[in-house]
Every structure is written in structure tokens, then in C-alpha cells.
């Protein structure tokens, strides 16, 4: 009887061990030499699952380090994932790009060659692994960046003085020590931004479920517009006046004109002309004077 119990416990232990996910890792490194160090030069990351950290520095190359992780229950599935999941690097006139590549999706080409988007390949064989790509990048300080990720991931960008486009879905966006035009969007996450200089022309912040927190510079000069359904707006800026709404004319589908009111909830700070827009559904908006 004792032998039977012992055998049963051994089988139970082996089955539980077999069900535990295993993983494998690979470090991918890539360096790009560029000659344009202005904001006209763009670096782009298109990711689906994994953090992206971008740090500006005073160097003359773009340095990319990607930590790839594959998880599965079987060694064969891990090996398949390590083979399938790759980073597609490209360099052309005015840009450097790094994007996820797997057989389960095909990249959706758009008019903007740096816009991120995939078509899911439903005809591909079902896979039994999970993947994650975590990017750590160093870029020359004055170039522009366009960064996108989707699931269980956060975006961090520090010190970049060119334009910044940061897009997430399920995760936060944090931009620190920035000084140019900005777009920061997520769906389920928080947006936190600290400016060393205010945007030249625009800043656009949007989240559905999360707060937006912005620390300004130079008195926070600009034109601020707010749109929140279930949140509140808090600020210590010196708003000088509420601006009159503007009528915008757009062409209709049948050739006629369509009119809409924009700038209906906008306020002036100092003599700034950059349009700074905030939009949330379930979240508060906080704008504070920078230190």
C-alpha cells in the first residue's frame, strides 16, 4: 500500500512539473550610424508585448538592445518561438526602424512608413508559446522618436529633444525632460510628462482609463483644451482668459461642407501659441508648473 501511495505521489509531482512553463532568452543588439542629428531624423519601434525604454545621449549612433523571452510548456514550442519571433531592422533616408516580426501577423503598410500596425494571420498554425520583447534604446539627443507597444507594457522616453509620438494600449506612457511637439496616447494606462521646454506647435494627450499628469516649463505658455467625461481637471497654471470657440470647415463625403465647433473649452496661458490638448474618459487631468 505504501508503494502505491509513493508511486501516486511521484506521478502527481511529475505531471505538475511537466505543466510548469519553461522559458528561453536571447539578447539582440544592433547599432546604427546616422549623419542627421536634427528632429527631421526619426527612430521608430513597433512592438506588441514588451516595454520600450528610450534614453537620449550625446552620441552619434542609435544603440538598440532587445531582450527576447519565449515561454512555453514544451522545449519544442520554445524552440519554435525562438525561431519565429524576430526583430526586423531597417534603415533608410531619414529613419531607422525596429519592429516585431512573427508568422502570426503581417505588418500593415500605411502611407506613413513609420506608422505601426499589423494584420493578424488567422490562417497560420496555432502556436503554443508566448513571447515578450523588451527594448532599451539610446538615441542622439535631438532626433525624433515614434514608439508603439500594445500589451502588458510601458513606454519610457527620457531626454529626447526632437518630436515624440508615444502610443500604448494596455500600459503607461512616461516622458521625462522633453522639449518639443508631443503625442502621447494609451487606452488603459496613465500618462506622465515632464517638459524642459514647451512644445513648439502642439501636444496631444489621450487616455481612456487613466490619469494624465503634465509638468510644464517656461510658465507653461500655450493654449490648453480639455475634454474629460468622468474625471476632473486640476492646475496651478495662470490661465489668462477663456478663448472663444472656433468654427472648423471640412469637406463632406458628397462634396458639400461640414462645420463643427472646436476649441470650445480652451484657455490661454501667457502668450504661448502651441495647442495643448487633453482627453480622458475615466481619469483626471493634472497640470502643474515645473520646478
C-alpha atoms as a PDB file:
ATOM      1  CA  UNK A   1       0.000   0.000   0.000  1.00  0.00           C
ATOM      2  CA  UNK A   2       2.822   2.369   0.835  1.00  0.00           C
ATOM      3  CA  UNK A   3       4.442   1.658  -2.535  1.00  0.00           C
ATOM      4  CA  UNK A   4       1.196   2.505  -4.322  1.00  0.00           C
ATOM      5  CA  UNK A   5       0.910   5.803  -2.437  1.00  0.00           C
ATOM      6  CA  UNK A   6       4.552   6.593  -3.190  1.00  0.00           C
ATOM      7  CA  UNK A   7       4.061   5.866  -6.890  1.00  0.00           C
ATOM      8  CA  UNK A   8       0.928   8.024  -6.980  1.00  0.00           C
ATOM      9  CA  UNK A   9       2.772  10.961  -5.383  1.00  0.00           C
ATOM     10  CA  UNK A  10       5.648  10.623  -7.853  1.00  0.00           C
ATOM     11  CA  UNK A  11       3.269  10.646 -10.825  1.00  0.00           C
ATOM     12  CA  UNK A  12       1.468  13.689  -9.424  1.00  0.00           C
ATOM     13  CA  UNK A  13       4.769  15.518  -8.946  1.00  0.00           C
ATOM     14  CA  UNK A  14       5.954  14.706 -12.458  1.00  0.00           C
ATOM     15  CA  UNK A  15       2.695  15.842 -14.011  1.00  0.00           C
ATOM     16  CA  UNK A  16       2.819  19.149 -12.119  1.00  0.00           C
ATOM     17  CA  UNK A  17       6.415  19.754 -13.196  1.00  0.00           C
ATOM     18  CA  UNK A  18       5.500  18.986 -16.801  1.00  0.00           C
ATOM     19  CA  UNK A  19       2.771  21.631 -16.643  1.00  0.00           C
ATOM     20  CA  UNK A  20       5.104  24.390 -15.480  1.00  0.00           C
ATOM     21  CA  UNK A  21       6.018  26.872 -18.208  1.00  0.00           C
ATOM     22  CA  UNK A  22       9.661  26.999 -19.219  1.00  0.00           C
ATOM     23  CA  UNK A  23      11.420  29.881 -20.923  1.00  0.00           C
ATOM     24  CA  UNK A  24      14.379  30.811 -23.049  1.00  0.00           C
ATOM     25  CA  UNK A  25      16.035  34.193 -23.618  1.00  0.00           C
ATOM     26  CA  UNK A  26      18.109  35.917 -26.249  1.00  0.00           C
ATOM     27  CA  UNK A  27      19.763  39.329 -26.289  1.00  0.00           C
ATOM     28  CA  UNK A  28      19.652  41.101 -29.658  1.00  0.00           C
ATOM     29  CA  UNK A  29      21.950  44.075 -30.214  1.00  0.00           C
ATOM     30  CA  UNK A  30      22.064  46.465 -33.148  1.00  0.00           C
ATOM     31  CA  UNK A  31      23.925  49.725 -33.782  1.00  0.00           C
ATOM     32  CA  UNK A  32      23.123  52.311 -36.468  1.00  0.00           C
ATOM     33  CA  UNK A  33      25.393  55.129 -37.620  1.00  0.00           C
ATOM     34  CA  UNK A  34      23.488  58.236 -38.712  1.00  0.00           C
ATOM     35  CA  UNK A  35      24.549  61.581 -40.167  1.00  0.00           C
ATOM     36  CA  UNK A  36      21.425  63.672 -39.498  1.00  0.00           C
ATOM     37  CA  UNK A  37      21.129  64.703 -35.856  1.00  0.00           C
ATOM     38  CA  UNK A  38      18.133  67.023 -36.228  1.00  0.00           C
ATOM     39  CA  UNK A  39      14.467  66.421 -35.448  1.00  0.00           C
ATOM     40  CA  UNK A  40      13.980  65.519 -39.128  1.00  0.00           C
ATOM     41  CA  UNK A  41      15.655  62.187 -38.329  1.00  0.00           C
ATOM     42  CA  UNK A  42      13.289  59.570 -36.851  1.00  0.00           C
ATOM     43  CA  UNK A  43      13.774  56.418 -34.831  1.00  0.00           C
ATOM     44  CA  UNK A  44      10.778  54.057 -34.680  1.00  0.00           C
ATOM     45  CA  UNK A  45       9.875  50.977 -32.615  1.00  0.00           C
ATOM     46  CA  UNK A  46       6.797  48.857 -33.414  1.00  0.00           C
ATOM     47  CA  UNK A  47       6.242  46.313 -30.642  1.00  0.00           C
ATOM     48  CA  UNK A  48       3.284  44.283 -29.367  1.00  0.00           C
ATOM     49  CA  UNK A  49       4.288  42.868 -25.994  1.00  0.00           C
ATOM     50  CA  UNK A  50       7.148  44.343 -24.018  1.00  0.00           C
ATOM     51  CA  UNK A  51       8.430  47.583 -22.524  1.00  0.00           C
ATOM     52  CA  UNK A  52      10.266  50.181 -24.595  1.00  0.00           C
ATOM     53  CA  UNK A  53      12.800  52.474 -22.888  1.00  0.00           C
ATOM     54  CA  UNK A  54      14.416  55.261 -24.901  1.00  0.00           C
ATOM     55  CA  UNK A  55      17.243  57.327 -23.427  1.00  0.00           C
ATOM     56  CA  UNK A  56      18.763  60.328 -25.214  1.00  0.00           C
ATOM     57  CA  UNK A  57      22.527  60.839 -25.073  1.00  0.00           C
ATOM     58  CA  UNK A  58      25.279  62.880 -26.714  1.00  0.00           C
ATOM     59  CA  UNK A  59      26.488  60.114 -29.013  1.00  0.00           C
ATOM     60  CA  UNK A  60      26.284  59.788 -32.808  1.00  0.00           C
ATOM     61  CA  UNK A  61      24.806  56.297 -33.122  1.00  0.00           C
ATOM     62  CA  UNK A  62      21.488  54.653 -32.306  1.00  0.00           C
ATOM     63  CA  UNK A  63      22.059  51.718 -29.973  1.00  0.00           C
ATOM     64  CA  UNK A  64      19.323  49.080 -29.629  1.00  0.00           C
ATOM     65  CA  UNK A  65      19.260  46.211 -27.149  1.00  0.00           C
ATOM     66  CA  UNK A  66      16.295  43.822 -27.209  1.00  0.00           C
ATOM     67  CA  UNK A  67      15.702  41.153 -24.581  1.00  0.00           C
ATOM     68  CA  UNK A  68      13.631  38.408 -26.203  1.00  0.00           C
ATOM     69  CA  UNK A  69      11.851  35.928 -23.961  1.00  0.00           C
ATOM     70  CA  UNK A  70       9.855  32.889 -25.071  1.00  0.00           C
ATOM     71  CA  UNK A  71       7.669  30.922 -22.625  1.00  0.00           C
ATOM     72  CA  UNK A  72       6.041  27.543 -23.241  1.00  0.00           C
ATOM     73  CA  UNK A  73       5.419  24.189 -21.574  1.00  0.00           C
ATOM     74  CA  UNK A  74       7.454  22.137 -24.027  1.00  0.00           C
ATOM     75  CA  UNK A  75      11.012  22.515 -25.249  1.00  0.00           C
ATOM     76  CA  UNK A  76       9.871  22.078 -28.861  1.00  0.00           C
ATOM     77  CA  UNK A  77       7.454  25.017 -28.531  1.00  0.00           C
ATOM     78  CA  UNK A  78      10.170  27.185 -27.012  1.00  0.00           C
ATOM     79  CA  UNK A  79      12.496  26.355 -29.883  1.00  0.00           C
ATOM     80  CA  UNK A  80       9.733  27.219 -32.360  1.00  0.00           C
ATOM     81  CA  UNK A  81       9.139  30.562 -30.631  1.00  0.00           C
ATOM     82  CA  UNK A  82      12.827  31.424 -30.618  1.00  0.00           C
ATOM     83  CA  UNK A  83      12.898  30.820 -34.358  1.00  0.00           C
ATOM     84  CA  UNK A  84       9.602  32.561 -35.169  1.00  0.00           C
ATOM     85  CA  UNK A  85       9.876  35.766 -33.134  1.00  0.00           C
ATOM     86  CA  UNK A  86      12.388  38.194 -34.596  1.00  0.00           C
ATOM     87  CA  UNK A  87      13.131  41.916 -34.776  1.00  0.00           C
ATOM     88  CA  UNK A  88      13.033  43.385 -38.273  1.00  0.00           C
ATOM     89  CA  UNK A  89      15.518  46.265 -38.519  1.00  0.00           C
ATOM     90  CA  UNK A  90      15.553  48.783 -41.351  1.00  0.00           C
ATOM     91  CA  UNK A  91      17.418  52.000 -42.128  1.00  0.00           C
ATOM     92  CA  UNK A  92      16.597  54.481 -44.870  1.00  0.00           C
ATOM     93  CA  UNK A  93      16.727  58.143 -45.685  1.00  0.00           C
ATOM     94  CA  UNK A  94      15.647  59.993 -42.570  1.00  0.00           C
ATOM     95  CA  UNK A  95      14.748  56.981 -40.420  1.00  0.00           C
ATOM     96  CA  UNK A  96      15.799  53.903 -38.502  1.00  0.00           C
ATOM     97  CA  UNK A  97      13.116  51.344 -37.631  1.00  0.00           C
ATOM     98  CA  UNK A  98      12.839  48.253 -35.415  1.00  0.00           C
ATOM     99  CA  UNK A  99       9.642  46.190 -35.458  1.00  0.00           C
ATOM    100  CA  UNK A 100       8.392  42.854 -34.228  1.00  0.00           C
ATOM    101  CA  UNK A 101       8.155  40.088 -36.835  1.00  0.00           C
ATOM    102  CA  UNK A 102       6.300  36.768 -36.356  1.00  0.00           C
ATOM    103  CA  UNK A 103       4.466  34.355 -38.669  1.00  0.00           C
ATOM    104  CA  UNK A 104       1.254  35.105 -36.765  1.00  0.00           C
ATOM    105  CA  UNK A 105       0.988  38.646 -38.086  1.00  0.00           C
ATOM    106  CA  UNK A 106       1.876  40.628 -41.159  1.00  0.00           C
ATOM    107  CA  UNK A 107       2.835  44.265 -40.975  1.00  0.00           C
ATOM    108  CA  UNK A 108       0.185  46.606 -42.333  1.00  0.00           C
ATOM    109  CA  UNK A 109       1.835  49.084 -44.683  1.00  0.00           C
ATOM    110  CA  UNK A 110       0.451  52.630 -44.482  1.00  0.00           C
ATOM    111  CA  UNK A 111       1.110  55.951 -46.168  1.00  0.00           C
ATOM    112  CA  UNK A 112       3.330  56.788 -43.216  1.00  0.00           C
ATOM    113  CA  UNK A 113       6.127  54.228 -43.449  1.00  0.00           C
ATOM    114  CA  UNK A 114       6.758  54.595 -39.709  1.00  0.00           C
ATOM    115  CA  UNK A 115       3.151  54.011 -38.639  1.00  0.00           C
ATOM    116  CA  UNK A 116       2.756  50.773 -36.657  1.00  0.00           C
ATOM    117  CA  UNK A 117       0.022  48.233 -37.342  1.00  0.00           C
ATOM    118  CA  UNK A 118      -0.453  44.529 -38.030  1.00  0.00           C
ATOM    119  CA  UNK A 119      -2.860  42.212 -39.800  1.00  0.00           C
ATOM    120  CA  UNK A 120      -3.349  39.007 -37.823  1.00  0.00           C
ATOM    121  CA  UNK A 121      -2.633  35.889 -39.870  1.00  0.00           C
ATOM    122  CA  UNK A 122      -5.546  33.670 -38.868  1.00  0.00           C
ATOM    123  CA  UNK A 123      -4.510  31.008 -41.349  1.00  0.00           C
ATOM    124  CA  UNK A 124      -1.247  30.359 -39.576  1.00  0.00           C
ATOM    125  CA  UNK A 125      -0.847  27.290 -37.397  1.00  0.00           C
ATOM    126  CA  UNK A 126      -1.763  27.700 -33.763  1.00  0.00           C
ATOM    127  CA  UNK A 127       1.260  28.341 -31.571  1.00  0.00           C
ATOM    128  CA  UNK A 128       1.832  27.156 -28.020  1.00  0.00           C
ATOM    129  CA  UNK A 129       4.334  29.721 -26.846  1.00  0.00           C
ATOM    130  CA  UNK A 130       4.202  33.284 -25.554  1.00  0.00           C
ATOM    131  CA  UNK A 131       6.759  35.953 -26.311  1.00  0.00           C
ATOM    132  CA  UNK A 132       7.960  39.266 -24.944  1.00  0.00           C
ATOM    133  CA  UNK A 133      10.404  41.793 -26.403  1.00  0.00           C
ATOM    134  CA  UNK A 134      11.790  44.452 -24.056  1.00  0.00           C
ATOM    135  CA  UNK A 135      13.643  47.279 -25.823  1.00  0.00           C
ATOM    136  CA  UNK A 136      16.338  49.503 -24.336  1.00  0.00           C
ATOM    137  CA  UNK A 137      17.478  52.172 -26.770  1.00  0.00           C
ATOM    138  CA  UNK A 138      19.929  55.077 -26.780  1.00  0.00           C
ATOM    139  CA  UNK A 139      19.412  57.789 -29.390  1.00  0.00           C
ATOM    140  CA  UNK A 140      21.187  61.073 -30.229  1.00  0.00           C
ATOM    141  CA  UNK A 141      19.525  63.781 -28.201  1.00  0.00           C
ATOM    142  CA  UNK A 142      17.965  65.952 -30.917  1.00  0.00           C
ATOM    143  CA  UNK A 143      16.371  63.371 -33.212  1.00  0.00           C
ATOM    144  CA  UNK A 144      12.661  62.482 -33.131  1.00  0.00           C
ATOM    145  CA  UNK A 145      11.130  59.180 -31.984  1.00  0.00           C
ATOM    146  CA  UNK A 146       7.946  57.265 -32.733  1.00  0.00           C
ATOM    147  CA  UNK A 147       7.376  54.411 -30.275  1.00  0.00           C
ATOM    148  CA  UNK A 148       4.479  51.943 -30.073  1.00  0.00           C
ATOM    149  CA  UNK A 149       3.624  48.882 -27.978  1.00  0.00           C
ATOM    150  CA  UNK A 150       0.362  47.147 -27.077  1.00  0.00           C
ATOM    151  CA  UNK A 151       0.022  44.647 -24.217  1.00  0.00           C
ATOM    152  CA  UNK A 152       1.330  44.427 -20.640  1.00  0.00           C
ATOM    153  CA  UNK A 153       3.921  47.040 -21.458  1.00  0.00           C
ATOM    154  CA  UNK A 154       5.057  50.538 -20.526  1.00  0.00           C
ATOM    155  CA  UNK A 155       6.811  53.237 -22.549  1.00  0.00           C
ATOM    156  CA  UNK A 156       9.610  55.363 -21.080  1.00  0.00           C
ATOM    157  CA  UNK A 157      11.296  58.175 -23.022  1.00  0.00           C
ATOM    158  CA  UNK A 158      13.867  60.432 -21.376  1.00  0.00           C
ATOM    159  CA  UNK A 159      15.787  63.446 -22.608  1.00  0.00           C
ATOM    160  CA  UNK A 160      14.698  63.395 -26.263  1.00  0.00           C
ATOM    161  CA  UNK A 161      14.576  66.937 -27.706  1.00  0.00           C
ATOM    162  CA  UNK A 162      13.043  66.086 -31.079  1.00  0.00           C
ATOM    163  CA  UNK A 163       9.378  65.293 -31.622  1.00  0.00           C
ATOM    164  CA  UNK A 164       7.855  62.407 -29.679  1.00  0.00           C
ATOM    165  CA  UNK A 165       4.999  60.107 -30.706  1.00  0.00           C
ATOM    166  CA  UNK A 166       4.294  57.524 -27.998  1.00  0.00           C
ATOM    167  CA  UNK A 167       1.422  55.079 -28.369  1.00  0.00           C
ATOM    168  CA  UNK A 168       0.365  52.309 -25.974  1.00  0.00           C
ATOM    169  CA  UNK A 169      -2.800  50.299 -25.331  1.00  0.00           C
ATOM    170  CA  UNK A 170      -2.519  48.386 -22.051  1.00  0.00           C
ATOM    171  CA  UNK A 171       0.135  50.238 -20.119  1.00  0.00           C
ATOM    172  CA  UNK A 172       1.574  53.590 -19.083  1.00  0.00           C
ATOM    173  CA  UNK A 173       3.430  56.283 -21.004  1.00  0.00           C
ATOM    174  CA  UNK A 174       6.092  58.294 -19.182  1.00  0.00           C
ATOM    175  CA  UNK A 175       8.024  61.095 -20.912  1.00  0.00           C
ATOM    176  CA  UNK A 176      10.730  62.962 -18.992  1.00  0.00           C
ATOM    177  CA  UNK A 177      12.859  66.014 -19.814  1.00  0.00           C
ATOM    178  CA  UNK A 178      11.307  66.561 -23.246  1.00  0.00           C
ATOM    179  CA  UNK A 179      11.154  69.798 -25.243  1.00  0.00           C
ATOM    180  CA  UNK A 180       9.188  69.519 -28.451  1.00  0.00           C
ATOM    181  CA  UNK A 181       5.884  68.602 -30.091  1.00  0.00           C
ATOM    182  CA  UNK A 182       4.299  65.576 -28.462  1.00  0.00           C
ATOM    183  CA  UNK A 183       1.650  62.923 -28.980  1.00  0.00           C
ATOM    184  CA  UNK A 184       1.094  60.501 -26.099  1.00  0.00           C
ATOM    185  CA  UNK A 185      -1.819  58.071 -26.266  1.00  0.00           C
ATOM    186  CA  UNK A 186      -2.866  54.969 -24.348  1.00  0.00           C
ATOM    187  CA  UNK A 187      -6.129  53.206 -23.543  1.00  0.00           C
ATOM    188  CA  UNK A 188      -5.697  51.517 -20.172  1.00  0.00           C
ATOM    189  CA  UNK A 189      -2.891  53.408 -18.525  1.00  0.00           C
ATOM    190  CA  UNK A 190      -1.511  56.633 -17.112  1.00  0.00           C
ATOM    191  CA  UNK A 191       0.332  59.373 -18.970  1.00  0.00           C
ATOM    192  CA  UNK A 192       3.003  61.372 -17.141  1.00  0.00           C
ATOM    193  CA  UNK A 193       5.038  64.075 -18.899  1.00  0.00           C
ATOM    194  CA  UNK A 194       7.733  66.492 -17.750  1.00  0.00           C
ATOM    195  CA  UNK A 195       8.843  69.304 -20.081  1.00  0.00           C
ATOM    196  CA  UNK A 196      12.172  71.117 -20.001  1.00  0.00           C
ATOM    197  CA  UNK A 197      10.827  73.422 -22.751  1.00  0.00           C
ATOM    198  CA  UNK A 198       7.279  73.702 -24.017  1.00  0.00           C
ATOM    199  CA  UNK A 199       6.149  72.291 -27.396  1.00  0.00           C
ATOM    200  CA  UNK A 200       6.656  74.423 -30.479  1.00  0.00           C
ATOM    201  CA  UNK A 201       3.300  73.760 -32.165  1.00  0.00           C
ATOM    202  CA  UNK A 202       1.271  71.030 -30.471  1.00  0.00           C
ATOM    203  CA  UNK A 203       0.889  68.465 -27.725  1.00  0.00           C
ATOM    204  CA  UNK A 204      -1.838  65.835 -27.679  1.00  0.00           C
ATOM    205  CA  UNK A 205      -2.539  63.612 -24.664  1.00  0.00           C
ATOM    206  CA  UNK A 206      -5.279  60.984 -24.605  1.00  0.00           C
ATOM    207  CA  UNK A 207      -6.232  58.003 -22.442  1.00  0.00           C
ATOM    208  CA  UNK A 208      -9.477  56.182 -21.734  1.00  0.00           C
ATOM    209  CA  UNK A 209      -8.849  54.643 -18.312  1.00  0.00           C
ATOM    210  CA  UNK A 210      -6.119  56.581 -16.558  1.00  0.00           C
ATOM    211  CA  UNK A 211      -4.917  59.964 -15.375  1.00  0.00           C
ATOM    212  CA  UNK A 212      -2.861  62.497 -17.314  1.00  0.00           C
ATOM    213  CA  UNK A 213      -0.202  64.397 -15.355  1.00  0.00           C
ATOM    214  CA  UNK A 214       1.913  67.090 -17.029  1.00  0.00           C
ATOM    215  CA  UNK A 215       4.653  69.281 -15.552  1.00  0.00           C
ATOM    216  CA  UNK A 216       5.221  72.385 -17.665  1.00  0.00           C
ATOM    217  CA  UNK A 217       8.188  74.680 -18.313  1.00  0.00           C
ATOM    218  CA  UNK A 218       8.544  78.411 -19.053  1.00  0.00           C
ATOM    219  CA  UNK A 219       5.280  79.365 -17.310  1.00  0.00           C
ATOM    220  CA  UNK A 220       3.508  76.666 -19.277  1.00  0.00           C
ATOM    221  CA  UNK A 221       2.808  79.050 -22.147  1.00  0.00           C
ATOM    222  CA  UNK A 222       0.278  77.671 -24.614  1.00  0.00           C
ATOM    223  CA  UNK A 223      -3.376  77.192 -25.498  1.00  0.00           C
ATOM    224  CA  UNK A 224      -4.922  74.426 -23.385  1.00  0.00           C
ATOM    225  CA  UNK A 225      -8.028  72.423 -24.291  1.00  0.00           C
ATOM    226  CA  UNK A 226      -9.701  69.883 -22.001  1.00  0.00           C
ATOM    227  CA  UNK A 227     -12.146  67.049 -22.600  1.00  0.00           C
ATOM    228  CA  UNK A 228     -12.983  64.600 -19.810  1.00  0.00           C
ATOM    229  CA  UNK A 229     -16.230  62.726 -19.240  1.00  0.00           C
ATOM    230  CA  UNK A 230     -15.948  61.336 -15.713  1.00  0.00           C
ATOM    231  CA  UNK A 231     -12.757  62.989 -14.457  1.00  0.00           C
ATOM    232  CA  UNK A 232     -11.683  66.358 -13.083  1.00  0.00           C
ATOM    233  CA  UNK A 233      -9.152  68.979 -14.205  1.00  0.00           C
ATOM    234  CA  UNK A 234      -6.649  70.402 -11.711  1.00  0.00           C
ATOM    235  CA  UNK A 235      -3.963  73.007 -12.397  1.00  0.00           C
ATOM    236  CA  UNK A 236      -1.876  75.734 -10.792  1.00  0.00           C
ATOM    237  CA  UNK A 237      -1.152  77.492 -14.122  1.00  0.00           C
ATOM    238  CA  UNK A 238      -2.062  81.144 -14.581  1.00  0.00           C
ATOM    239  CA  UNK A 239      -4.809  80.965 -17.191  1.00  0.00           C
ATOM    240  CA  UNK A 240      -5.271  84.477 -18.535  1.00  0.00           C
ATOM    241  CA  UNK A 241      -8.541  84.025 -20.436  1.00  0.00           C
ATOM    242  CA  UNK A 242     -11.010  81.576 -21.904  1.00  0.00           C
ATOM    243  CA  UNK A 243     -10.856  81.558 -25.688  1.00  0.00           C
ATOM    244  CA  UNK A 244     -13.864  81.887 -27.957  1.00  0.00           C
ATOM    245  CA  UNK A 245     -14.829  78.690 -29.840  1.00  0.00           C
ATOM    246  CA  UNK A 246     -13.650  78.325 -33.440  1.00  0.00           C
ATOM    247  CA  UNK A 247     -15.709  77.107 -36.379  1.00  0.00           C
ATOM    248  CA  UNK A 248     -13.885  74.498 -38.491  1.00  0.00           C
ATOM    249  CA  UNK A 249     -14.985  73.696 -42.037  1.00  0.00           C
ATOM    250  CA  UNK A 250     -14.469  70.237 -43.516  1.00  0.00           C
ATOM    251  CA  UNK A 251     -15.475  68.795 -46.860  1.00  0.00           C
ATOM    252  CA  UNK A 252     -18.342  66.324 -46.689  1.00  0.00           C
ATOM    253  CA  UNK A 253     -18.394  62.933 -48.392  1.00  0.00           C
ATOM    254  CA  UNK A 254     -20.765  64.223 -51.086  1.00  0.00           C
ATOM    255  CA  UNK A 255     -18.787  67.336 -51.851  1.00  0.00           C
ATOM    256  CA  UNK A 256     -20.585  69.729 -49.512  1.00  0.00           C
ATOM    257  CA  UNK A 257     -19.216  71.482 -46.459  1.00  0.00           C
ATOM    258  CA  UNK A 258     -19.495  70.282 -42.872  1.00  0.00           C
ATOM    259  CA  UNK A 259     -18.991  72.538 -39.884  1.00  0.00           C
ATOM    260  CA  UNK A 260     -18.030  71.750 -36.338  1.00  0.00           C
ATOM    261  CA  UNK A 261     -17.068  73.664 -33.236  1.00  0.00           C
ATOM    262  CA  UNK A 262     -13.536  73.141 -31.981  1.00  0.00           C
ATOM    263  CA  UNK A 263     -11.542  74.766 -29.221  1.00  0.00           C
ATOM    264  CA  UNK A 264     -14.765  75.045 -27.216  1.00  0.00           C
ATOM    265  CA  UNK A 265     -13.106  74.531 -23.842  1.00  0.00           C
ATOM    266  CA  UNK A 266      -9.771  76.276 -24.323  1.00  0.00           C
ATOM    267  CA  UNK A 267      -7.713  78.619 -22.159  1.00  0.00           C
ATOM    268  CA  UNK A 268      -4.716  80.843 -22.805  1.00  0.00           C
ATOM    269  CA  UNK A 269      -1.556  80.776 -20.690  1.00  0.00           C
ATOM    270  CA  UNK A 270       0.918  83.645 -21.192  1.00  0.00           C
ATOM    271  CA  UNK A 271       1.499  84.332 -24.879  1.00  0.00           C
ATOM    272  CA  UNK A 272       2.029  80.736 -25.982  1.00  0.00           C
ATOM    273  CA  UNK A 273       0.662  79.579 -29.332  1.00  0.00           C
ATOM    274  CA  UNK A 274       1.210  75.806 -29.124  1.00  0.00           C
ATOM    275  CA  UNK A 275      -2.103  73.928 -28.937  1.00  0.00           C
ATOM    276  CA  UNK A 276      -2.044  71.527 -25.988  1.00  0.00           C
ATOM    277  CA  UNK A 277      -4.976  69.101 -25.897  1.00  0.00           C
ATOM    278  CA  UNK A 278      -6.071  66.720 -23.134  1.00  0.00           C
ATOM    279  CA  UNK A 279      -8.694  63.997 -23.423  1.00  0.00           C
ATOM    280  CA  UNK A 280      -9.777  61.324 -20.937  1.00  0.00           C
ATOM    281  CA  UNK A 281     -12.870  59.270 -20.231  1.00  0.00           C
ATOM    282  CA  UNK A 282     -12.274  57.771 -16.788  1.00  0.00           C
ATOM    283  CA  UNK A 283      -9.403  59.797 -15.423  1.00  0.00           C
ATOM    284  CA  UNK A 284      -8.298  63.117 -14.025  1.00  0.00           C
ATOM    285  CA  UNK A 285      -6.122  65.750 -15.702  1.00  0.00           C
ATOM    286  CA  UNK A 286      -3.425  67.438 -13.635  1.00  0.00           C
ATOM    287  CA  UNK A 287      -1.201  70.224 -14.980  1.00  0.00           C
ATOM    288  CA  UNK A 288       1.481  71.621 -12.715  1.00  0.00           C
ATOM    289  CA  UNK A 289       4.179  74.247 -13.001  1.00  0.00           C
ATOM    290  CA  UNK A 290       7.539  72.577 -13.349  1.00  0.00           C
ATOM    291  CA  UNK A 291      10.200  73.174 -10.750  1.00  0.00           C
END
